[in-house]
Protein backbone atom coordinates (compact mmCIF):
# COMPACT_ATOMS: atom_id res chain seq x y z
CA UNK A 1 -22.40 86.98 -53.38
CA UNK A 2 -19.25 88.65 -52.21
CA UNK A 3 -16.54 87.10 -50.06
CA UNK A 4 -16.05 89.00 -46.84
CA UNK A 5 -12.82 90.86 -46.34
CA UNK A 6 -10.55 89.96 -43.44
CA UNK A 7 -11.73 92.99 -41.48
CA UNK A 8 -15.31 91.69 -41.56
CA UNK A 9 -14.53 88.47 -39.67
CA UNK A 10 -15.04 88.18 -35.95
CA UNK A 11 -12.47 86.07 -34.14
CA UNK A 12 -12.38 84.64 -30.67
CA UNK A 13 -11.17 81.62 -28.74
CA UNK A 14 -7.41 81.47 -28.50
CA UNK A 15 -5.06 78.50 -28.32
CA UNK A 16 -1.76 78.82 -26.47
CA UNK A 17 0.60 78.30 -29.37
CA UNK A 18 3.65 80.31 -30.39
CA UNK A 19 3.82 81.18 -34.07
CA UNK A 20 5.55 83.77 -36.23
CA UNK A 21 3.73 85.79 -38.85
CA UNK A 22 5.35 85.31 -42.25
CA UNK A 23 4.29 88.75 -43.50
CA UNK A 24 5.70 90.89 -40.67
CA UNK A 25 7.92 88.54 -38.62
CA UNK A 26 6.02 89.28 -35.41
CA UNK A 27 5.82 86.44 -32.89
CA UNK A 28 2.48 85.64 -31.27
CA UNK A 29 1.89 83.50 -28.17
CA UNK A 30 -1.75 82.70 -28.96
CA UNK A 31 -3.48 81.48 -32.07
CA UNK A 32 -7.11 82.42 -32.83
CA UNK A 33 -9.07 79.24 -33.53
CA UNK A 34 -12.62 80.58 -33.96
CA UNK A 35 -13.68 82.71 -36.90
CA UNK A 36 -17.22 83.82 -37.51
CA UNK A 37 -19.34 85.72 -40.00
CA UNK A 38 -22.07 87.95 -38.64
CA UNK A 39 -24.83 87.13 -41.14
CA UNK A 40 -25.69 84.91 -44.11
CA UNK A 41 -24.28 86.06 -47.45
CA UNK A 42 -27.77 86.78 -48.82
CA UNK A 43 -28.44 89.14 -45.89
CA UNK A 44 -25.10 90.89 -46.51
CA UNK A 45 -26.12 91.41 -50.14
CA UNK A 46 -29.28 93.32 -49.15
CA UNK A 47 -29.35 97.10 -48.96
CA UNK A 48 -30.03 98.65 -45.56
CA UNK A 49 -33.56 99.50 -46.72
CA UNK A 50 -34.21 95.88 -47.77
CA UNK A 51 -32.81 94.60 -44.47
CA UNK A 52 -35.19 96.81 -42.48
CA UNK A 53 -38.24 95.91 -44.57
CA UNK A 54 -37.69 92.24 -45.45
CA UNK A 55 -35.24 90.64 -43.03
CA UNK A 56 -34.81 89.70 -39.40
CA UNK A 57 -31.44 88.74 -37.96
CA UNK A 58 -30.76 87.40 -34.46
CA UNK A 59 -27.74 85.64 -33.01
CA UNK A 60 -29.14 82.23 -34.05
CA UNK A 61 -31.59 82.77 -36.93
CA UNK A 62 -32.14 84.91 -40.00
CA UNK A 63 -35.23 85.19 -42.18
CA UNK A 64 -35.48 87.08 -45.44
CA UNK A 65 -38.98 87.56 -46.78
CA UNK A 66 -41.24 84.54 -46.53
CA UNK A 67 -38.94 82.05 -48.19
CA UNK A 68 -35.32 82.29 -47.01
CA UNK A 69 -34.49 80.76 -43.62
CA UNK A 70 -31.03 80.50 -42.07
CA UNK A 71 -29.53 79.03 -38.91
CA UNK A 72 -26.16 79.85 -37.39
CA UNK A 73 -23.83 76.97 -36.69
CA UNK A 74 -20.21 75.89 -36.64
CA UNK A 75 -17.98 73.99 -38.99
CA UNK A 76 -15.44 72.22 -36.78
CA UNK A 77 -12.02 71.27 -38.11
CA UNK A 78 -9.78 69.01 -35.98
CA UNK A 79 -6.35 70.47 -35.19
CA UNK A 80 -3.91 67.62 -35.72
CA UNK A 81 -1.82 66.89 -32.64
CA UNK A 82 -4.25 68.77 -30.40
CA UNK A 83 -7.56 68.10 -28.72
CA UNK A 84 -8.80 71.49 -29.96
CA UNK A 85 -10.71 72.33 -33.13
CA UNK A 86 -10.62 75.33 -35.40
CA UNK A 87 -14.19 76.53 -35.88
CA UNK A 88 -15.87 78.60 -38.52
CA UNK A 89 -19.07 80.29 -37.33
CA UNK A 90 -21.27 80.03 -40.42
CA UNK A 91 -24.85 80.17 -41.63
CA UNK A 92 -26.80 77.45 -43.42
CA UNK A 93 -30.10 77.82 -45.21
CA UNK A 94 -32.94 75.46 -44.30
CA UNK A 95 -36.30 74.75 -45.86
CA UNK A 96 -39.38 76.32 -44.26
CA UNK A 97 -40.43 72.92 -42.89
CA UNK A 98 -36.98 72.27 -41.40
CA UNK A 99 -36.85 75.73 -39.85
CA UNK A 100 -40.23 75.16 -38.23
CA UNK A 101 -38.95 71.88 -36.72
CA UNK A 102 -35.78 73.60 -35.51
CA UNK A 103 -37.70 76.44 -33.88
CA UNK A 104 -40.04 73.93 -32.18
CA UNK A 105 -37.05 72.01 -30.80
CA UNK A 106 -34.76 74.98 -30.08
CA UNK A 107 -35.54 75.50 -26.37
CA UNK A 108 -36.05 71.83 -25.52
CA UNK A 109 -33.41 70.14 -23.36
CA UNK A 110 -33.40 67.15 -25.76
CA UNK A 111 -32.98 69.12 -28.99
CA UNK A 112 -29.80 67.16 -29.81
CA UNK A 113 -32.00 64.09 -30.36
CA UNK A 114 -33.46 65.66 -33.53
CA UNK A 115 -32.32 64.12 -36.81
CA UNK A 116 -29.94 66.32 -38.86
CA UNK A 117 -31.48 68.92 -41.17
CA UNK A 118 -30.34 69.26 -44.77
CA UNK A 119 -29.07 72.72 -45.62
CA UNK A 120 -26.91 74.77 -47.94
CA UNK A 121 -23.87 76.61 -46.59
CA UNK A 122 -24.68 80.31 -46.82
CA UNK A 123 -21.37 81.89 -45.81
CA UNK A 124 -18.58 82.90 -48.18
CA UNK A 125 -15.32 81.94 -46.48
CA UNK A 126 -12.01 83.33 -47.71
CA UNK A 127 -9.02 81.08 -48.41
CA UNK A 128 -11.26 78.47 -50.07
CA UNK A 129 -12.89 78.13 -53.49
CA UNK A 130 -16.55 79.22 -53.45
CA UNK A 131 -18.24 77.94 -50.28
CA UNK A 132 -21.74 79.26 -50.99
CA UNK A 133 -24.27 76.43 -51.43
CA UNK A 134 -22.07 73.57 -50.32
CA UNK A 135 -24.42 70.76 -49.24
CA UNK A 136 -24.53 70.22 -45.50
CA UNK A 137 -26.34 68.62 -42.61
CA UNK A 138 -27.13 70.77 -39.59
CA UNK A 139 -27.00 68.87 -36.30
CA UNK A 140 -28.65 70.47 -33.28
CA UNK A 141 -26.63 70.06 -30.11
CA UNK A 142 -27.45 70.43 -26.44
CA UNK A 143 -27.72 73.97 -25.14
CA UNK A 144 -25.73 76.17 -25.11
CA UNK A 145 -23.72 74.64 -27.97
CA UNK A 146 -24.28 75.98 -31.46
CA UNK A 147 -25.43 73.54 -34.12
CA UNK A 148 -22.76 71.59 -35.98
CA UNK A 149 -22.67 72.15 -39.73
CA UNK A 150 -21.35 68.99 -41.35
CA UNK A 151 -20.38 69.40 -44.98
CA UNK A 152 -21.15 66.73 -47.54
CA UNK A 153 -17.98 64.64 -47.98
CA UNK A 154 -16.71 66.01 -51.29
CA UNK A 155 -13.29 67.01 -52.57
CA UNK A 156 -13.94 70.69 -51.75
CA UNK A 157 -10.93 71.80 -49.63
CA UNK A 158 -13.14 72.93 -46.72
CA UNK A 159 -14.93 69.56 -46.65
CA UNK A 160 -11.59 67.75 -46.81
CA UNK A 161 -10.24 69.81 -43.90
CA UNK A 162 -13.38 69.09 -41.86
CA UNK A 163 -12.92 65.36 -42.40
CA UNK A 164 -9.14 65.08 -42.16
CA UNK A 165 -8.13 67.99 -39.93
CA UNK A 166 -5.43 70.61 -40.36
CA UNK A 167 -2.02 71.29 -38.86
CA UNK A 168 -1.37 74.13 -36.45
CA UNK A 169 0.72 75.68 -39.23
CA UNK A 170 -2.41 75.78 -41.44
CA UNK A 171 -4.38 77.35 -38.57
CA UNK A 172 -1.62 80.00 -38.30
CA UNK A 173 -1.88 80.57 -42.07
CA UNK A 174 -5.62 81.23 -41.65
CA UNK A 175 -4.91 83.63 -38.78
CA UNK A 176 -2.29 85.49 -40.85
CA UNK A 177 -4.80 86.02 -43.62
CA UNK A 178 -7.71 87.08 -41.40
CA UNK A 179 -6.23 89.03 -38.50
CA UNK A 180 -6.25 92.79 -38.98
CA UNK A 181 -2.91 93.93 -40.32
CA UNK A 182 -0.51 93.91 -37.41
């Protein structure tokens, strides 16, 4: 699987925070705190022909063939000294049985009462060692919130950041690396 380049990340939600880019010296008044990948890494690895014949991709789900099932969710990382969180919009693979349960619960108002679903992180995130196949639990949340992807508590830097949080300076470092060259 390939790691996406910075230009392939979608960013959104902004935090009012003044920071200066270390590569160009430009000062910004807002800091992007949501980054998202468009599709699971396995989908990205398919040719256009394979995508058309074997895969379906929506905003919430992806299926490849009869045996690869993915759900879109968020990894939330507390921003120290703030009530906000940096979020990574990611994909996790689920078993066929788990995906069936998720789809059955998806439009219910009480879907957040479902037990977490075991999954494997299926998004290659830059700035971290390999993130593909990190063990996770996917927690459904009330609509319209995206599911929470909780990483297994390991020493992987992404899992550590999810547990312990990051500084605003680290969030700015992520923005520097992922924003289109400015």
